């Protein structure tokens, strides 16, 4: 998918490490299966000036900006790039 200011990969890439993520990505976290059906929560990973963080819209969070990487357990990501 391509827009005027961004390009989104058509590929879901398995997550390996936070360091291997591109500077901007859609990231699936909280993956689980229920009755054979997959569920997950999408967040935005971004790295600005070398500092990584996650934007998460979950209503139970005190802050929408997260850096508690060990708590998120990503499954895969979709790279987002600016042409």
Protein backbone atom coordinates (compact mmCIF):
# COMPACT_ATOMS: atom_id res chain seq x y z
CA UNK A 1 0.00 0.00 0.00
CA UNK A 2 1.30 3.44 -0.88
CA UNK A 3 0.13 6.92 0.05
CA UNK A 4 1.49 10.35 -0.73
CA UNK A 5 3.79 10.41 2.26
CA UNK A 6 4.23 6.75 3.28
CA UNK A 7 4.71 3.29 1.86
CA UNK A 8 3.56 0.19 3.75
CA UNK A 9 5.02 -3.24 3.05
CA UNK A 10 2.68 -6.04 1.95
CA UNK A 11 4.77 -8.49 4.00
CA UNK A 12 4.36 -9.43 7.66
CA UNK A 13 7.91 -10.08 8.87
CA UNK A 14 8.52 -12.25 11.94
CA UNK A 15 9.85 -10.28 14.91
CA UNK A 16 13.33 -11.22 16.09
CA UNK A 17 14.75 -8.35 18.14
CA UNK A 18 13.91 -4.72 18.84
CA UNK A 19 17.25 -3.70 17.34
CA UNK A 20 16.39 -5.33 13.99
CA UNK A 21 13.15 -3.39 13.55
CA UNK A 22 13.05 -0.63 10.93
CA UNK A 23 12.73 2.94 12.23
CA UNK A 24 8.96 2.88 11.60
CA UNK A 25 6.70 -0.18 11.70
CA UNK A 26 3.28 -1.51 12.57
CA UNK A 27 3.89 -4.12 15.24
CA UNK A 28 1.61 -6.92 16.44
CA UNK A 29 1.71 -7.59 20.17
CA UNK A 30 -0.36 -9.67 22.60
CA UNK A 31 -0.82 -12.46 20.07
CA UNK A 32 -2.96 -15.34 21.31
CA UNK A 33 -5.30 -18.00 19.98
CA UNK A 34 -8.80 -18.71 21.15
CA UNK A 35 -10.78 -21.62 19.70
CA UNK A 36 -8.29 -21.84 16.82
CA UNK A 37 -8.64 -18.16 15.91
CA UNK A 38 -5.71 -15.68 16.09
CA UNK A 39 -5.96 -12.37 17.95
CA UNK A 40 -3.43 -9.58 18.44
CA UNK A 41 -3.13 -5.86 19.15
CA UNK A 42 -1.49 -3.46 16.67
CA UNK A 43 0.84 -0.69 17.83
CA UNK A 44 3.26 1.68 16.09
CA UNK A 45 6.99 1.26 16.65
CA UNK A 46 9.15 4.29 15.96
CA UNK A 47 12.79 5.16 16.41
CA UNK A 48 13.62 8.87 16.49
CA UNK A 49 17.22 10.03 16.80
CA UNK A 50 18.15 6.50 17.83
CA UNK A 51 15.58 6.33 20.62
CA UNK A 52 12.94 3.59 20.25
CA UNK A 53 9.38 3.78 21.58
CA UNK A 54 5.94 2.33 20.90
CA UNK A 55 2.71 4.26 20.43
CA UNK A 56 -0.12 2.18 21.91
CA UNK A 57 -3.81 3.16 21.92
CA UNK A 58 -4.82 0.69 24.67
CA UNK A 59 -7.25 2.44 27.03
CA UNK A 60 -5.81 0.90 30.21
CA UNK A 61 -2.38 2.51 29.78
CA UNK A 62 -1.34 5.58 31.78
CA UNK A 63 0.74 6.78 28.83
CA UNK A 64 0.30 6.05 25.12
CA UNK A 65 4.09 6.18 24.68
CA UNK A 66 5.69 2.94 25.80
CA UNK A 67 9.28 1.86 26.40
CA UNK A 68 8.55 -1.29 28.43
CA UNK A 69 9.78 -3.49 25.58
CA UNK A 70 10.10 -6.65 27.69
CA UNK A 71 6.34 -6.57 28.38
CA UNK A 72 5.08 -6.38 24.78
CA UNK A 73 6.09 -9.73 23.22
CA UNK A 74 5.80 -8.86 19.49
CA UNK A 75 4.91 -11.55 16.96
CA UNK A 76 5.55 -9.80 13.61
CA UNK A 77 5.80 -6.35 12.02
CA UNK A 78 4.96 -4.50 8.84
CA UNK A 79 7.54 -1.96 7.71
CA UNK A 80 6.39 1.60 7.07
CA UNK A 81 8.67 3.91 5.11
CA UNK A 82 8.63 7.47 3.88
CA UNK A 83 9.67 7.77 0.23
